[in-house]
Amino acid sequence: MLSWFPNVDWSNPFFSVLSQLTDPYLNLFRSIIPPLGGIDFSAIIAIFLLQIVAGIIPGILYSFV
């Protein structure tokens, strides 16, 4: 979501590490969903998918107990 803020200094060590950790996952969605009007909506879809998976996994694990 930091792509929504064009003034972010990506050379800052914190933002650089954050980008290196999240970009591989977000790039999966960026290849499917191009930025619309210069805004990257792929992060919203990526978070939505993580929420779905986080809700499904406990149910699957509980069924094995």
PDB file of N, CA and C in Angstrom:
ATOM      1  N   MET A   1       0.819  -1.185   0.000  1.00  0.00           N
ATOM      2  CA  MET A   1       0.000   0.000   0.000  1.00  0.00           C
ATOM      3  C   MET A   1       0.865   1.252   0.000  1.00  0.00           C
ATOM      4  N   LEU A   2       2.152   1.070   0.239  1.00  0.00           N
ATOM      5  CA  LEU A   2       3.038   2.222   0.199  1.00  0.00           C
ATOM      6  C   LEU A   2       3.158   2.787  -1.208  1.00  0.00           C
ATOM      7  N   SER A   3       2.769   2.010  -2.212  1.00  0.00           N
ATOM      8  CA  SER A   3       2.794   2.541  -3.576  1.00  0.00           C
ATOM      9  C   SER A   3       1.781   3.671  -3.741  1.00  0.00           C
ATOM     10  N   TRP A   4       0.842   3.782  -2.812  1.00  0.00           N
ATOM     11  CA  TRP A   4      -0.132   4.867  -2.867  1.00  0.00           C
ATOM     12  C   TRP A   4       0.489   6.191  -2.450  1.00  0.00           C
ATOM     13  N   PHE A   5       1.665   6.140  -1.834  1.00  0.00           N
ATOM     14  CA  PHE A   5       2.353   7.337  -1.364  1.00  0.00           C
ATOM     15  C   PHE A   5       3.631   7.519  -2.177  1.00  0.00           C
ATOM     16  N   PRO A   6       3.591   8.362  -3.196  1.00  0.00           N
ATOM     17  CA  PRO A   6       4.745   8.469  -4.112  1.00  0.00           C
ATOM     18  C   PRO A   6       5.991   9.076  -3.472  1.00  0.00           C
ATOM     19  N   ASN A   7       5.877   9.704  -2.330  1.00  0.00           N
ATOM     20  CA  ASN A   7       7.032  10.353  -1.710  1.00  0.00           C
ATOM     21  C   ASN A   7       7.801   9.446  -0.766  1.00  0.00           C
ATOM     22  N   VAL A   8       7.491   8.162  -0.735  1.00  0.00           N
ATOM     23  CA  VAL A   8       8.200   7.219   0.140  1.00  0.00           C
ATOM     24  C   VAL A   8       9.630   7.066  -0.367  1.00  0.00           C
ATOM     25  N   ASP A   9      10.576   7.173   0.537  1.00  0.00           N
ATOM     26  CA  ASP A   9      11.991   7.033   0.206  1.00  0.00           C
ATOM     27  C   ASP A   9      12.370   5.553   0.258  1.00  0.00           C
ATOM     28  N   TRP A  10      12.408   4.901  -0.909  1.00  0.00           N
ATOM     29  CA  TRP A  10      12.663   3.467  -0.969  1.00  0.00           C
ATOM     30  C   TRP A  10      14.114   3.131  -0.638  1.00  0.00           C
ATOM     31  N   SER A  11      14.989   4.147  -0.560  1.00  0.00           N
ATOM     32  CA  SER A  11      16.372   3.869  -0.170  1.00  0.00           C
ATOM     33  C   SER A  11      16.509   3.771   1.354  1.00  0.00           C
ATOM     34  N   ASN A  12      15.468   4.143   2.087  1.00  0.00           N
ATOM     35  CA  ASN A  12      15.438   3.990   3.535  1.00  0.00           C
ATOM     36  C   ASN A  12      15.517   2.497   3.851  1.00  0.00           C
ATOM     37  N   PRO A  13      16.411   2.086   4.751  1.00  0.00           N
ATOM     38  CA  PRO A  13      16.579   0.645   5.031  1.00  0.00           C
ATOM     39  C   PRO A  13      15.285  -0.061   5.449  1.00  0.00           C
ATOM     40  N   PHE A  14      14.436   0.599   6.221  1.00  0.00           N
ATOM     41  CA  PHE A  14      13.182  -0.030   6.649  1.00  0.00           C
ATOM     42  C   PHE A  14      12.291  -0.330   5.452  1.00  0.00           C
ATOM     43  N   PHE A  15      12.094   0.655   4.573  1.00  0.00           N
ATOM     44  CA  PHE A  15      11.224   0.456   3.414  1.00  0.00           C
ATOM     45  C   PHE A  15      11.837  -0.492   2.400  1.00  0.00           C
ATOM     46  N   SER A  16      13.162  -0.498   2.321  1.00  0.00           N
ATOM     47  CA  SER A  16      13.837  -1.411   1.411  1.00  0.00           C
ATOM     48  C   SER A  16      13.626  -2.861   1.833  1.00  0.00           C
ATOM     49  N   VAL A  17      13.786  -3.148   3.124  1.00  0.00           N
ATOM     50  CA  VAL A  17      13.572  -4.507   3.640  1.00  0.00           C
ATOM     51  C   VAL A  17      12.101  -4.894   3.500  1.00  0.00           C
ATOM     52  N   LEU A  18      11.206  -3.975   3.815  1.00  0.00           N
ATOM     53  CA  LEU A  18       9.780  -4.242   3.691  1.00  0.00           C
ATOM     54  C   LEU A  18       9.417  -4.593   2.254  1.00  0.00           C
ATOM     55  N   SER A  19       9.979  -3.861   1.317  1.00  0.00           N
ATOM     56  CA  SER A  19       9.726  -4.131  -0.098  1.00  0.00           C
ATOM     57  C   SER A  19      10.264  -5.504  -0.508  1.00  0.00           C
ATOM     58  N   GLN A  20      11.458  -5.856  -0.044  1.00  0.00           N
ATOM     59  CA  GLN A  20      12.047  -7.151  -0.387  1.00  0.00           C
ATOM     60  C   GLN A  20      11.241  -8.314   0.178  1.00  0.00           C
ATOM     61  N   LEU A  21      10.605  -8.106   1.326  1.00  0.00           N
ATOM     62  CA  LEU A  21       9.817  -9.172   1.942  1.00  0.00           C
ATOM     63  C   LEU A  21       8.445  -9.335   1.289  1.00  0.00           C
ATOM     64  N   THR A  22       7.829  -8.247   0.875  1.00  0.00           N
ATOM     65  CA  THR A  22       6.459  -8.307   0.381  1.00  0.00           C
ATOM     66  C   THR A  22       6.338  -8.383  -1.134  1.00  0.00           C
ATOM     67  N   ASP A  23       7.319  -7.889  -1.866  1.00  0.00           N
ATOM     68  CA  ASP A  23       7.191  -7.841  -3.327  1.00  0.00           C
ATOM     69  C   ASP A  23       7.022  -9.195  -4.008  1.00  0.00           C
ATOM     70  N   PRO A  24       7.708 -10.257  -3.574  1.00  0.00           N
ATOM     71  CA  PRO A  24       7.468 -11.541  -4.264  1.00  0.00           C
ATOM     72  C   PRO A  24       5.998 -11.970  -4.226  1.00  0.00           C
ATOM     73  N   TYR A  25       5.345 -11.795  -3.096  1.00  0.00           N
ATOM     74  CA  TYR A  25       3.923 -12.154  -2.989  1.00  0.00           C
ATOM     75  C   TYR A  25       3.055 -11.183  -3.784  1.00  0.00           C
ATOM     76  N   LEU A  26       3.325  -9.896  -3.656  1.00  0.00           N
ATOM     77  CA  LEU A  26       2.509  -8.901  -4.347  1.00  0.00           C
ATOM     78  C   LEU A  26       2.694  -8.954  -5.861  1.00  0.00           C
ATOM     79  N   ASN A  27       3.873  -9.345  -6.325  1.00  0.00           N
ATOM     80  CA  ASN A  27       4.107  -9.422  -7.766  1.00  0.00           C
ATOM     81  C   ASN A  27       3.214 -10.464  -8.438  1.00  0.00           C
ATOM     82  N   LEU A  28       2.807 -11.482  -7.686  1.00  0.00           N
ATOM     83  CA  LEU A  28       1.852 -12.457  -8.241  1.00  0.00           C
ATOM     84  C   LEU A  28       0.561 -11.758  -8.657  1.00  0.00           C
ATOM     85  N   PHE A  29       0.115 -10.827  -7.841  1.00  0.00           N
ATOM     86  CA  PHE A  29      -1.133 -10.121  -8.107  1.00  0.00           C
ATOM     87  C   PHE A  29      -0.933  -8.960  -9.063  1.00  0.00           C
ATOM     88  N   ARG A  30       0.230  -8.352  -9.026  1.00  0.00           N
ATOM     89  CA  ARG A  30       0.513  -7.240  -9.941  1.00  0.00           C
ATOM     90  C   ARG A  30       0.549  -7.707 -11.383  1.00  0.00           C
ATOM     91  N   SER A  31       0.908  -8.972 -11.612  1.00  0.00           N
ATOM     92  CA  SER A  31       0.921  -9.489 -12.982  1.00  0.00           C
ATOM     93  C   SER A  31      -0.494  -9.718 -13.497  1.00  0.00           C
ATOM     94  N   ILE A  32      -1.456  -9.867 -12.588  1.00  0.00           N
ATOM     95  CA  ILE A  32      -2.849 -10.096 -12.975  1.00  0.00           C
ATOM     96  C   ILE A  32      -3.641  -8.793 -12.994  1.00  0.00           C
ATOM     97  N   ILE A  33      -3.410  -7.945 -11.990  1.00  0.00           N
ATOM     98  CA  ILE A  33      -4.181  -6.720 -11.822  1.00  0.00           C
ATOM     99  C   ILE A  33      -3.257  -5.519 -12.038  1.00  0.00           C
ATOM    100  N   PRO A  34      -3.355  -4.861 -13.184  1.00  0.00           N
ATOM    101  CA  PRO A  34      -2.489  -3.701 -13.416  1.00  0.00           C
ATOM    102  C   PRO A  34      -2.954  -2.513 -12.570  1.00  0.00           C
ATOM    103  N   PRO A  35      -2.049  -1.575 -12.297  1.00  0.00           N
ATOM    104  CA  PRO A  35      -2.457  -0.371 -11.561  1.00  0.00           C
ATOM    105  C   PRO A  35      -3.538   0.390 -12.327  1.00  0.00           C
ATOM    106  N   LEU A  36      -4.526   0.850 -11.611  1.00  0.00           N
ATOM    107  CA  LEU A  36      -5.612   1.613 -12.223  1.00  0.00           C
ATOM    108  C   LEU A  36      -5.485   3.068 -11.791  1.00  0.00           C
ATOM    109  N   GLY A  37      -5.300   3.948 -12.746  1.00  0.00           N
ATOM    110  CA  GLY A  37      -5.145   5.358 -12.428  1.00  0.00           C
ATOM    111  C   GLY A  37      -3.913   5.642 -11.607  1.00  0.00           C
ATOM    112  N   GLY A  38      -2.876   4.808 -11.756  1.00  0.00           N
ATOM    113  CA  GLY A  38      -1.647   4.993 -11.008  1.00  0.00           C
ATOM    114  C   GLY A  38      -1.698   4.432  -9.604  1.00  0.00           C
ATOM    115  N   ILE A  39      -2.799   3.795  -9.214  1.00  0.00           N
ATOM    116  CA  ILE A  39      -2.947   3.227  -7.876  1.00  0.00           C
ATOM    117  C   ILE A  39      -2.882   1.705  -7.974  1.00  0.00           C
ATOM    118  N   ASP A  40      -2.061   1.111  -7.130  1.00  0.00           N
ATOM    119  CA  ASP A  40      -1.855  -0.330  -7.133  1.00  0.00           C
ATOM    120  C   ASP A  40      -2.864  -0.989  -6.193  1.00  0.00           C
ATOM    121  N   PHE A  41      -3.878  -1.635  -6.765  1.00  0.00           N
ATOM    122  CA  PHE A  41      -4.902  -2.312  -5.978  1.00  0.00           C
ATOM    123  C   PHE A  41      -4.548  -3.767  -5.687  1.00  0.00           C
ATOM    124  N   SER A  42      -3.422  -4.231  -6.178  1.00  0.00           N
ATOM    125  CA  SER A  42      -3.042  -5.626  -5.970  1.00  0.00           C
ATOM    126  C   SER A  42      -2.847  -5.940  -4.488  1.00  0.00           C
ATOM    127  N   ALA A  43      -2.425  -4.975  -3.696  1.00  0.00           N
ATOM    128  CA  ALA A  43      -2.222  -5.212  -2.265  1.00  0.00           C
ATOM    129  C   ALA A  43      -3.544  -5.525  -1.570  1.00  0.00           C
ATOM    130  N   ILE A  44      -4.615  -4.879  -1.988  1.00  0.00           N
ATOM    131  CA  ILE A  44      -5.922  -5.134  -1.382  1.00  0.00           C
ATOM    132  C   ILE A  44      -6.365  -6.566  -1.680  1.00  0.00           C
ATOM    133  N   ILE A  45      -6.191  -6.995  -2.910  1.00  0.00           N
ATOM    134  CA  ILE A  45      -6.557  -8.368  -3.289  1.00  0.00           C
ATOM    135  C   ILE A  45      -5.672  -9.366  -2.554  1.00  0.00           C
ATOM    136  N   ALA A  46      -4.379  -9.065  -2.431  1.00  0.00           N
ATOM    137  CA  ALA A  46      -3.452  -9.966  -1.734  1.00  0.00           C
ATOM    138  C   ALA A  46      -3.837 -10.110  -0.261  1.00  0.00           C
ATOM    139  N   ILE A  47      -4.182  -9.016   0.388  1.00  0.00           N
ATOM    140  CA  ILE A  47      -4.592  -9.072   1.792  1.00  0.00           C
ATOM    141  C   ILE A  47      -5.904  -9.830   1.930  1.00  0.00           C
ATOM    142  N   PHE A  48      -6.826  -9.600   1.014  1.00  0.00           N
ATOM    143  CA  PHE A  48      -8.111 -10.298   1.029  1.00  0.00           C
ATOM    144  C   PHE A  48      -7.899 -11.809   0.923  1.00  0.00           C
ATOM    145  N   LEU A  49      -7.001 -12.237   0.040  1.00  0.00           N
ATOM    146  CA  LEU A  49      -6.718 -13.662  -0.112  1.00  0.00           C
ATOM    147  C   LEU A  49      -6.073 -14.229   1.150  1.00  0.00           C
ATOM    148  N   LEU A  50      -5.162 -13.483   1.760  1.00  0.00           N
ATOM    149  CA  LEU A  50      -4.550 -13.947   3.013  1.00  0.00           C
ATOM    150  C   LEU A  50      -5.599 -14.115   4.106  1.00  0.00           C
ATOM    151  N   GLN A  51      -6.573 -13.220   4.167  1.00  0.00           N
ATOM    152  CA  GLN A  51      -7.636 -13.319   5.162  1.00  0.00           C
ATOM    153  C   GLN A  51      -8.477 -14.575   4.937  1.00  0.00           C
ATOM    154  N   ILE A  52      -8.762 -14.868   3.681  1.00  0.00           N
ATOM    155  CA  ILE A  52      -9.536 -16.075   3.365  1.00  0.00           C
ATOM    156  C   ILE A  52      -8.762 -17.323   3.779  1.00  0.00           C
ATOM    157  N   VAL A  53      -7.488 -17.381   3.428  1.00  0.00           N
ATOM    158  CA  VAL A  53      -6.664 -18.539   3.773  1.00  0.00           C
ATOM    159  C   VAL A  53      -6.536 -18.659   5.288  1.00  0.00           C
ATOM    160  N   ALA A  54      -6.369 -17.533   5.977  1.00  0.00           N
ATOM    161  CA  ALA A  54      -6.252 -17.567   7.436  1.00  0.00           C
ATOM    162  C   ALA A  54      -7.539 -18.053   8.087  1.00  0.00           C
ATOM    163  N   GLY A  55      -8.671 -17.851   7.437  1.00  0.00           N
ATOM    164  CA  GLY A  55      -9.930 -18.346   7.966  1.00  0.00           C
ATOM    165  C   GLY A  55     -10.165 -19.816   7.658  1.00  0.00           C
ATOM    166  N   ILE A  56      -9.622 -20.292   6.562  1.00  0.00           N
ATOM    167  CA  ILE A  56      -9.839 -21.680   6.142  1.00  0.00           C
ATOM    168  C   ILE A  56      -8.903 -22.649   6.862  1.00  0.00           C
ATOM    169  N   ILE A  57      -7.653 -22.269   7.036  1.00  0.00           N
ATOM    170  CA  ILE A  57      -6.660 -23.187   7.607  1.00  0.00           C
ATOM    171  C   ILE A  57      -7.037 -23.693   8.994  1.00  0.00           C
ATOM    172  N   PRO A  58      -7.492 -22.843   9.930  1.00  0.00           N
ATOM    173  CA  PRO A  58      -7.870 -23.396  11.248  1.00  0.00           C
ATOM    174  C   PRO A  58      -8.997 -24.428  11.149  1.00  0.00           C
ATOM    175  N   GLY A  59      -9.942 -24.222  10.247  1.00  0.00           N
ATOM    176  CA  GLY A  59     -11.009 -25.196  10.071  1.00  0.00           C
ATOM    177  C   GLY A  59     -10.507 -26.528   9.559  1.00  0.00           C
ATOM    178  N   ILE A  60      -9.548 -26.480   8.655  1.00  0.00           N
ATOM    179  CA  ILE A  60      -8.957 -27.702   8.116  1.00  0.00           C
ATOM    180  C   ILE A  60      -8.169 -28.427   9.207  1.00  0.00           C
ATOM    181  N   LEU A  61      -7.370 -27.672   9.954  1.00  0.00           N
ATOM    182  CA  LEU A  61      -6.575 -28.279  11.014  1.00  0.00           C
ATOM    183  C   LEU A  61      -7.468 -28.838  12.122  1.00  0.00           C
ATOM    184  N   TYR A  62      -8.565 -28.157  12.424  1.00  0.00           N
ATOM    185  CA  TYR A  62      -9.478 -28.622  13.464  1.00  0.00           C
ATOM    186  C   TYR A  62     -10.158 -29.931  13.062  1.00  0.00           C
ATOM    187  N   SER A  63     -10.395 -30.102  11.762  1.00  0.00           N
ATOM    188  CA  SER A  63     -11.071 -31.317  11.311  1.00  0.00           C
ATOM    189  C   SER A  63     -10.173 -32.555  11.462  1.00  0.00           C
ATOM    190  N   PHE A  64      -8.869 -32.363  11.563  1.00  0.00           N
ATOM    191  CA  PHE A  64      -7.954 -33.483  11.737  1.00  0.00           C
ATOM    192  C   PHE A  64      -7.754 -33.857  13.196  1.00  0.00           C
ATOM    193  N   VAL A  65      -8.235 -33.035  14.107  1.00  0.00           N
ATOM    194  CA  VAL A  65      -8.014 -33.285  15.536  1.00  0.00           C
ATOM    195  C   VAL A  65      -9.084 -34.169  16.089  1.00  0.00           C
TER     196      VAL A  65
END
